[in-house]
Amino acid sequence: MAQGISEILTFAIGVAISPVPIIAVILMVFSSRAKVNGPMFLLGWVVALAVVSGVAYVIADAGNASTSTAAADGVSWVQIVFGVLFLLLAGRSWRNRPEPGTEPEMPKWMAGIDGFAPGKALGFGLLLAGVNPKNLLLAASAGSAIALIGPSTTDAVVSLVVFVVIGSLTIAGPVLYYLIGGERAKTQLDSVKGWLAVHNDAVMTVLFLVFGVNLIAKGIPQLT
């Protein structure tokens, strides 16, 4: 079990450090439907992470990734490809960073968050966790990494649950903080939102570089 958790830990932290989704959930707790939309966004996020990582694990495990050389090589190549994609994303994020002193431009859909219905908040949680390129690649990598070590079904499930929980902490945090702290929590959450908006590209560039190199380094030794 410990080995499975250690395999997914870095991936889970990478998912948790997601500036745009964190800003989105903070905006939701500032909206008129905060007490409904915040939890719905969190629910969508949790479901998406569970589905993507779980499907990746099932596919890799069905291919006997832990015992079949061909399957293990396939997983290793996937890790290398994902690593290269992360490096490309790092380059794009760095090129798109705002000039010093300029106001960073946030996605246009954020302006409409206040009017989201609960179903739309749920859908955005699903999209930002399961379709967002960074989180999609990290969740899939976590699931395949667990299959590669060949744990028991119980250990695999526990590892996946730990992945989802850690990956959801920064989304659950603002929601729970608002529900407990109410209006008083808004000032501090607004400060967090402002910092993330300014430093989003820098944070994402570093994350993409770290995970790109990490996945390539994990994949290459398996092929030698």
C-alpha atoms as a PDB file:
ATOM      1  CA  MET A   1       0.000   0.000   0.000  1.00  0.00           C
ATOM      2  CA  ALA A   2       2.785   2.399   0.950  1.00  0.00           C
ATOM      3  CA  GLN A   3       4.453   1.876  -2.419  1.00  0.00           C
ATOM      4  CA  GLY A   4       1.233   2.651  -4.276  1.00  0.00           C
ATOM      5  CA  ILE A   5       0.712   5.848  -2.286  1.00  0.00           C
ATOM      6  CA  SER A   6       4.312   6.919  -2.898  1.00  0.00           C
ATOM      7  CA  GLU A   7       3.791   6.385  -6.636  1.00  0.00           C
ATOM      8  CA  ILE A   8       0.784   8.701  -6.821  1.00  0.00           C
ATOM      9  CA  LEU A   9       1.893  11.345  -4.320  1.00  0.00           C
ATOM     10  CA  THR A  10       3.695  13.652  -6.750  1.00  0.00           C
ATOM     11  CA  PHE A  11       0.886  13.329  -9.304  1.00  0.00           C
ATOM     12  CA  ALA A  12      -1.710  14.209  -6.660  1.00  0.00           C
ATOM     13  CA  ILE A  13       0.243  17.282  -5.555  1.00  0.00           C
ATOM     14  CA  GLY A  14       0.525  18.340  -9.185  1.00  0.00           C
ATOM     15  CA  VAL A  15      -3.248  18.104  -9.589  1.00  0.00           C
ATOM     16  CA  ALA A  16      -3.820  20.017  -6.351  1.00  0.00           C
ATOM     17  CA  ILE A  17      -1.645  22.902  -7.567  1.00  0.00           C
ATOM     18  CA  SER A  18      -4.091  24.089 -10.222  1.00  0.00           C
ATOM     19  CA  PRO A  19      -4.347  27.910 -10.126  1.00  0.00           C
ATOM     20  CA  VAL A  20      -7.221  28.379 -12.606  1.00  0.00           C
ATOM     21  CA  PRO A  21      -9.554  25.800 -10.976  1.00  0.00           C
ATOM     22  CA  ILE A  22      -8.724  27.229  -7.542  1.00  0.00           C
ATOM     23  CA  ILE A  23      -9.605  30.719  -8.800  1.00  0.00           C
ATOM     24  CA  ALA A  24     -12.794  29.301 -10.330  1.00  0.00           C
ATOM     25  CA  VAL A  25     -13.964  27.684  -7.100  1.00  0.00           C
ATOM     26  CA  ILE A  26     -13.165  30.870  -5.147  1.00  0.00           C
ATOM     27  CA  LEU A  27     -15.295  32.845  -7.605  1.00  0.00           C
ATOM     28  CA  MET A  28     -18.073  30.310  -7.072  1.00  0.00           C
ATOM     29  CA  VAL A  29     -18.047  30.819  -3.325  1.00  0.00           C
ATOM     30  CA  PHE A  30     -18.348  34.544  -4.036  1.00  0.00           C
ATOM     31  CA  SER A  31     -21.457  33.970  -6.162  1.00  0.00           C
ATOM     32  CA  SER A  32     -25.106  34.205  -5.148  1.00  0.00           C
ATOM     33  CA  ARG A  33     -25.382  30.394  -5.176  1.00  0.00           C
ATOM     34  CA  ALA A  34     -22.167  29.785  -3.262  1.00  0.00           C
ATOM     35  CA  LYS A  35     -23.545  27.194  -0.835  1.00  0.00           C
ATOM     36  CA  VAL A  36     -24.742  25.011  -3.710  1.00  0.00           C
ATOM     37  CA  ASN A  37     -22.312  25.722  -6.558  1.00  0.00           C
ATOM     38  CA  GLY A  38     -19.150  25.358  -4.472  1.00  0.00           C
ATOM     39  CA  PRO A  39     -19.967  21.798  -3.345  1.00  0.00           C
ATOM     40  CA  MET A  40     -21.249  20.892  -6.830  1.00  0.00           C
ATOM     41  CA  PHE A  41     -17.991  22.048  -8.428  1.00  0.00           C
ATOM     42  CA  LEU A  42     -16.067  20.015  -5.838  1.00  0.00           C
ATOM     43  CA  LEU A  43     -18.228  16.954  -6.560  1.00  0.00           C
ATOM     44  CA  GLY A  44     -17.538  17.224 -10.293  1.00  0.00           C
ATOM     45  CA  TRP A  45     -13.817  17.586  -9.602  1.00  0.00           C
ATOM     46  CA  VAL A  46     -13.703  14.489  -7.362  1.00  0.00           C
ATOM     47  CA  VAL A  47     -15.733  12.347  -9.789  1.00  0.00           C
ATOM     48  CA  ALA A  48     -13.540  13.321 -12.763  1.00  0.00           C
ATOM     49  CA  LEU A  49     -10.278  12.532 -10.957  1.00  0.00           C
ATOM     50  CA  ALA A  50     -11.665   9.198  -9.765  1.00  0.00           C
ATOM     51  CA  VAL A  51     -12.904   8.217 -13.227  1.00  0.00           C
ATOM     52  CA  VAL A  52      -9.766   9.202 -15.169  1.00  0.00           C
ATOM     53  CA  SER A  53      -7.295   7.646 -12.731  1.00  0.00           C
ATOM     54  CA  GLY A  54      -9.507   4.572 -12.264  1.00  0.00           C
ATOM     55  CA  VAL A  55      -9.925   3.959 -15.993  1.00  0.00           C
ATOM     56  CA  ALA A  56      -6.175   4.392 -16.566  1.00  0.00           C
ATOM     57  CA  TYR A  57      -5.477   1.864 -13.804  1.00  0.00           C
ATOM     58  CA  VAL A  58      -7.990  -0.671 -15.147  1.00  0.00           C
ATOM     59  CA  ILE A  59      -6.601  -0.440 -18.699  1.00  0.00           C
ATOM     60  CA  ALA A  60      -2.979  -0.781 -17.580  1.00  0.00           C
ATOM     61  CA  ASP A  61      -3.819  -3.575 -15.122  1.00  0.00           C
ATOM     62  CA  ALA A  62      -5.820  -5.470 -17.753  1.00  0.00           C
ATOM     63  CA  GLY A  63      -2.726  -5.381 -19.932  1.00  0.00           C
ATOM     64  CA  ASN A  64      -0.701  -6.971 -17.085  1.00  0.00           C
ATOM     65  CA  ALA A  65       1.590  -3.959 -16.874  1.00  0.00           C
ATOM     66  CA  SER A  66       3.284  -5.340 -13.752  1.00  0.00           C
ATOM     67  CA  THR A  67       4.190  -8.740 -15.262  1.00  0.00           C
ATOM     68  CA  SER A  68       4.173  -8.364 -19.049  1.00  0.00           C
ATOM     69  CA  THR A  69       7.310  -6.826 -20.534  1.00  0.00           C
ATOM     70  CA  ALA A  70       5.409  -5.616 -23.577  1.00  0.00           C
ATOM     71  CA  ALA A  71       2.693  -3.991 -21.440  1.00  0.00           C
ATOM     72  CA  ALA A  72       5.263  -2.434 -19.110  1.00  0.00           C
ATOM     73  CA  ASP A  73       7.132  -1.038 -22.112  1.00  0.00           C
ATOM     74  CA  GLY A  74       3.846   0.374 -23.398  1.00  0.00           C
ATOM     75  CA  VAL A  75       3.211   2.149 -20.094  1.00  0.00           C
ATOM     76  CA  SER A  76       6.782   3.471 -20.127  1.00  0.00           C
ATOM     77  CA  TRP A  77       6.323   4.892 -23.616  1.00  0.00           C
ATOM     78  CA  VAL A  78       3.094   6.531 -22.490  1.00  0.00           C
ATOM     79  CA  GLN A  79       4.963   8.107 -19.577  1.00  0.00           C
ATOM     80  CA  ILE A  80       7.644   9.423 -21.933  1.00  0.00           C
ATOM     81  CA  VAL A  81       5.042  10.838 -24.338  1.00  0.00           C
ATOM     82  CA  PHE A  82       3.204  12.483 -21.436  1.00  0.00           C
ATOM     83  CA  GLY A  83       6.524  13.898 -20.235  1.00  0.00           C
ATOM     84  CA  VAL A  84       7.216  15.432 -23.640  1.00  0.00           C
ATOM     85  CA  LEU A  85       3.703  16.899 -23.691  1.00  0.00           C
ATOM     86  CA  PHE A  86       4.328  18.484 -20.304  1.00  0.00           C
ATOM     87  CA  LEU A  87       7.541  20.065 -21.597  1.00  0.00           C
ATOM     88  CA  LEU A  88       5.625  21.464 -24.575  1.00  0.00           C
ATOM     89  CA  LEU A  89       2.979  22.843 -22.217  1.00  0.00           C
ATOM     90  CA  ALA A  90       5.758  24.427 -20.136  1.00  0.00           C
ATOM     91  CA  GLY A  91       7.053  26.211 -23.218  1.00  0.00           C
ATOM     92  CA  ARG A  92       3.570  27.429 -24.145  1.00  0.00           C
ATOM     93  CA  SER A  93       2.851  28.628 -20.615  1.00  0.00           C
ATOM     94  CA  TRP A  94       6.144  30.544 -20.492  1.00  0.00           C
ATOM     95  CA  ARG A  95       5.526  32.206 -23.859  1.00  0.00           C
ATOM     96  CA  ASN A  96       2.009  33.232 -22.840  1.00  0.00           C
ATOM     97  CA  ARG A  97       3.022  34.786 -19.522  1.00  0.00           C
ATOM     98  CA  PRO A  98       1.962  38.426 -19.118  1.00  0.00           C
ATOM     99  CA  GLU A  99       4.530  41.205 -19.369  1.00  0.00           C
ATOM    100  CA  PRO A 100       5.745  42.603 -16.015  1.00  0.00           C
ATOM    101  CA  GLY A 101       3.282  45.160 -14.706  1.00  0.00           C
ATOM    102  CA  THR A 102       0.403  44.079 -16.940  1.00  0.00           C
ATOM    103  CA  GLU A 103      -2.880  42.642 -15.685  1.00  0.00           C
ATOM    104  CA  PRO A 104      -3.078  38.883 -16.386  1.00  0.00           C
ATOM    105  CA  GLU A 105      -5.975  37.862 -18.603  1.00  0.00           C
ATOM    106  CA  MET A 106      -8.258  35.247 -17.111  1.00  0.00           C
ATOM    107  CA  PRO A 107     -10.493  32.916 -19.185  1.00  0.00           C
ATOM    108  CA  LYS A 108     -13.618  34.731 -20.390  1.00  0.00           C
ATOM    109  CA  TRP A 109     -15.949  32.094 -18.931  1.00  0.00           C
ATOM    110  CA  MET A 110     -14.963  33.221 -15.422  1.00  0.00           C
ATOM    111  CA  ALA A 111     -17.036  36.371 -15.885  1.00  0.00           C
ATOM    112  CA  GLY A 112     -20.192  34.249 -16.042  1.00  0.00           C
ATOM    113  CA  ILE A 113     -19.559  32.128 -12.944  1.00  0.00           C
ATOM    114  CA  ASP A 114     -21.945  34.171 -10.805  1.00  0.00           C
ATOM    115  CA  GLY A 115     -24.822  33.068 -13.021  1.00  0.00           C
ATOM    116  CA  PHE A 116     -23.955  29.357 -13.071  1.00  0.00           C
ATOM    117  CA  ALA A 117     -26.722  26.909 -12.255  1.00  0.00           C
ATOM    118  CA  PRO A 118     -25.709  23.987  -9.997  1.00  0.00           C
ATOM    119  CA  GLY A 119     -25.578  21.603 -12.962  1.00  0.00           C
ATOM    120  CA  LYS A 120     -23.188  23.890 -14.813  1.00  0.00           C
ATOM    121  CA  ALA A 121     -20.976  24.184 -11.721  1.00  0.00           C
ATOM    122  CA  LEU A 122     -20.870  20.377 -11.584  1.00  0.00           C
ATOM    123  CA  GLY A 123     -19.996  20.230 -15.276  1.00  0.00           C
ATOM    124  CA  PHE A 124     -17.168  22.725 -14.892  1.00  0.00           C
ATOM    125  CA  GLY A 125     -15.734  20.695 -12.041  1.00  0.00           C
ATOM    126  CA  LEU A 126     -15.771  17.651 -14.324  1.00  0.00           C
ATOM    127  CA  LEU A 127     -14.134  19.570 -17.183  1.00  0.00           C
ATOM    128  CA  LEU A 128     -11.398  21.284 -15.189  1.00  0.00           C
ATOM    129  CA  ALA A 129     -10.395  18.054 -13.436  1.00  0.00           C
ATOM    130  CA  GLY A 130     -10.895  15.502 -16.198  1.00  0.00           C
ATOM    131  CA  VAL A 131     -10.432  17.369 -19.469  1.00  0.00           C
ATOM    132  CA  ASN A 132      -7.896  20.030 -18.496  1.00  0.00           C
ATOM    133  CA  PRO A 133      -4.664  18.756 -20.165  1.00  0.00           C
ATOM    134  CA  LYS A 134      -2.501  18.938 -17.038  1.00  0.00           C
ATOM    135  CA  ASN A 135      -4.922  17.154 -14.762  1.00  0.00           C
ATOM    136  CA  LEU A 136      -5.925  14.622 -17.415  1.00  0.00           C
ATOM    137  CA  LEU A 137      -2.284  13.622 -17.972  1.00  0.00           C
ATOM    138  CA  LEU A 138      -1.477  13.535 -14.252  1.00  0.00           C
ATOM    139  CA  ALA A 139      -4.548  11.473 -13.340  1.00  0.00           C
ATOM    140  CA  ALA A 140      -3.896   9.011 -16.160  1.00  0.00           C
ATOM    141  CA  SER A 141      -0.234   8.789 -15.141  1.00  0.00           C
ATOM    142  CA  ALA A 142      -1.214   8.088 -11.529  1.00  0.00           C
ATOM    143  CA  GLY A 143      -3.520   5.246 -12.521  1.00  0.00           C
ATOM    144  CA  SER A 144      -0.979   3.616 -14.832  1.00  0.00           C
ATOM    145  CA  ALA A 145       1.822   4.057 -12.267  1.00  0.00           C
ATOM    146  CA  ILE A 146      -0.194   2.092  -9.702  1.00  0.00           C
ATOM    147  CA  ALA A 147      -0.841  -0.725 -12.190  1.00  0.00           C
ATOM    148  CA  LEU A 148       2.850  -0.879 -13.026  1.00  0.00           C
ATOM    149  CA  ILE A 149       3.803  -1.974  -9.484  1.00  0.00           C
ATOM    150  CA  GLY A 150       1.106  -4.705  -9.410  1.00  0.00           C
ATOM    151  CA  PRO A 151      -0.621  -4.095  -6.053  1.00  0.00           C
ATOM    152  CA  SER A 152      -3.595  -6.016  -4.726  1.00  0.00           C
ATOM    153  CA  THR A 153      -7.023  -4.670  -5.655  1.00  0.00           C
ATOM    154  CA  THR A 154      -7.496  -3.281  -2.147  1.00  0.00           C
ATOM    155  CA  ASP A 155      -4.141  -1.506  -2.185  1.00  0.00           C
ATOM    156  CA  ALA A 156      -4.843  -0.105  -5.646  1.00  0.00           C
ATOM    157  CA  VAL A 157      -8.228   1.264  -4.550  1.00  0.00           C
ATOM    158  CA  VAL A 158      -6.716   2.837  -1.435  1.00  0.00           C
ATOM    159  CA  SER A 159      -3.958   4.429  -3.518  1.00  0.00           C
ATOM    160  CA  LEU A 160      -6.504   5.831  -5.975  1.00  0.00           C
ATOM    161  CA  VAL A 161      -8.622   7.195  -3.122  1.00  0.00           C
ATOM    162  CA  VAL A 162      -5.550   8.890  -1.617  1.00  0.00           C
ATOM    163  CA  PHE A 163      -4.759  10.369  -5.044  1.00  0.00           C
ATOM    164  CA  VAL A 164      -8.269  11.823  -5.369  1.00  0.00           C
ATOM    165  CA  VAL A 165      -8.299  13.158  -1.801  1.00  0.00           C
ATOM    166  CA  ILE A 166      -4.919  14.908  -2.060  1.00  0.00           C
ATOM    167  CA  GLY A 167      -5.684  16.171  -5.561  1.00  0.00           C
ATOM    168  CA  SER A 168      -8.938  17.693  -4.269  1.00  0.00           C
ATOM    169  CA  LEU A 169      -7.602  19.427  -1.150  1.00  0.00           C
ATOM    170  CA  THR A 170      -7.081  22.839  -2.748  1.00  0.00           C
ATOM    171  CA  ILE A 171     -10.596  22.745  -4.224  1.00  0.00           C
ATOM    172  CA  ALA A 172     -12.270  21.479  -1.050  1.00  0.00           C
ATOM    173  CA  GLY A 173     -10.341  23.989   1.083  1.00  0.00           C
ATOM    174  CA  PRO A 174     -11.985  27.191  -0.234  1.00  0.00           C
ATOM    175  CA  VAL A 175     -15.428  25.561  -0.240  1.00  0.00           C
ATOM    176  CA  LEU A 176     -15.161  24.351   3.369  1.00  0.00           C
ATOM    177  CA  TYR A 177     -13.502  27.581   4.495  1.00  0.00           C
ATOM    178  CA  TYR A 178     -16.387  29.625   3.080  1.00  0.00           C
ATOM    179  CA  LEU A 179     -19.075  27.322   4.490  1.00  0.00           C
ATOM    180  CA  ILE A 180     -17.472  27.566   7.942  1.00  0.00           C
ATOM    181  CA  GLY A 181     -16.176  31.146   7.862  1.00  0.00           C
ATOM    182  CA  GLY A 182     -18.945  32.736   5.824  1.00  0.00           C
ATOM    183  CA  GLU A 183     -18.455  36.331   4.698  1.00  0.00           C
ATOM    184  CA  ARG A 184     -15.338  36.722   6.857  1.00  0.00           C
ATOM    185  CA  ALA A 185     -13.518  34.177   4.709  1.00  0.00           C
ATOM    186  CA  LYS A 186     -14.020  36.193   1.530  1.00  0.00           C
ATOM    187  CA  THR A 187     -11.229  38.709   2.192  1.00  0.00           C
ATOM    188  CA  GLN A 188      -8.560  36.035   2.580  1.00  0.00           C
ATOM    189  CA  LEU A 189      -9.874  33.991  -0.333  1.00  0.00           C
ATOM    190  CA  ASP A 190      -9.831  37.122  -2.488  1.00  0.00           C
ATOM    191  CA  SER A 191      -6.148  37.655  -1.638  1.00  0.00           C
ATOM    192  CA  VAL A 192      -5.380  34.057  -2.637  1.00  0.00           C
ATOM    193  CA  LYS A 193      -7.288  34.540  -5.888  1.00  0.00           C
ATOM    194  CA  GLY A 194      -5.325  37.699  -6.708  1.00  0.00           C
ATOM    195  CA  TRP A 195      -1.957  36.048  -6.068  1.00  0.00           C
ATOM    196  CA  LEU A 196      -2.814  33.014  -8.182  1.00  0.00           C
ATOM    197  CA  ALA A 197      -4.031  35.194 -11.045  1.00  0.00           C
ATOM    198  CA  VAL A 198      -0.741  37.111 -11.132  1.00  0.00           C
ATOM    199  CA  HIS A 199       1.536  34.083 -10.787  1.00  0.00           C
ATOM    200  CA  ASN A 200      -0.509  31.476 -12.698  1.00  0.00           C
ATOM    201  CA  ASP A 201       1.826  31.192 -15.706  1.00  0.00           C
ATOM    202  CA  ALA A 202       4.983  31.027 -13.599  1.00  0.00           C
ATOM    203  CA  VAL A 203       3.506  28.323 -11.348  1.00  0.00           C
ATOM    204  CA  MET A 204       2.283  26.284 -14.304  1.00  0.00           C
ATOM    205  CA  THR A 205       5.594  26.577 -16.166  1.00  0.00           C
ATOM    206  CA  VAL A 206       7.513  25.183 -13.194  1.00  0.00           C
ATOM    207  CA  LEU A 207       4.967  22.392 -12.669  1.00  0.00           C
ATOM    208  CA  PHE A 208       5.026  21.387 -16.330  1.00  0.00           C
ATOM    209  CA  LEU A 209       8.826  21.293 -16.353  1.00  0.00           C
ATOM    210  CA  VAL A 210       9.057  19.248 -13.158  1.00  0.00           C
ATOM    211  CA  PHE A 211       6.467  16.673 -14.239  1.00  0.00           C
ATOM    212  CA  GLY A 212       7.783  16.525 -17.785  1.00  0.00           C
ATOM    213  CA  VAL A 213      11.282  15.665 -16.611  1.00  0.00           C
ATOM    214  CA  ASN A 214       9.916  13.349 -13.891  1.00  0.00           C
ATOM    215  CA  LEU A 215       7.791  11.280 -16.280  1.00  0.00           C
ATOM    216  CA  ILE A 216      10.549  10.981 -18.870  1.00  0.00           C
ATOM    217  CA  ALA A 217      12.998   9.939 -16.148  1.00  0.00           C
ATOM    218  CA  LYS A 218      10.537   7.295 -14.926  1.00  0.00           C
ATOM    219  CA  GLY A 219       9.825   5.936 -18.386  1.00  0.00           C
ATOM    220  CA  ILE A 220      13.341   5.617 -19.831  1.00  0.00           C
ATOM    221  CA  PRO A 221      14.829   3.171 -17.236  1.00  0.00           C
ATOM    222  CA  GLN A 222      11.944   0.739 -17.827  1.00  0.00           C
ATOM    223  CA  LEU A 223      12.953   0.436 -21.487  1.00  0.00           C
ATOM    224  CA  THR A 224      16.625  -0.346 -20.848  1.00  0.00           C
END
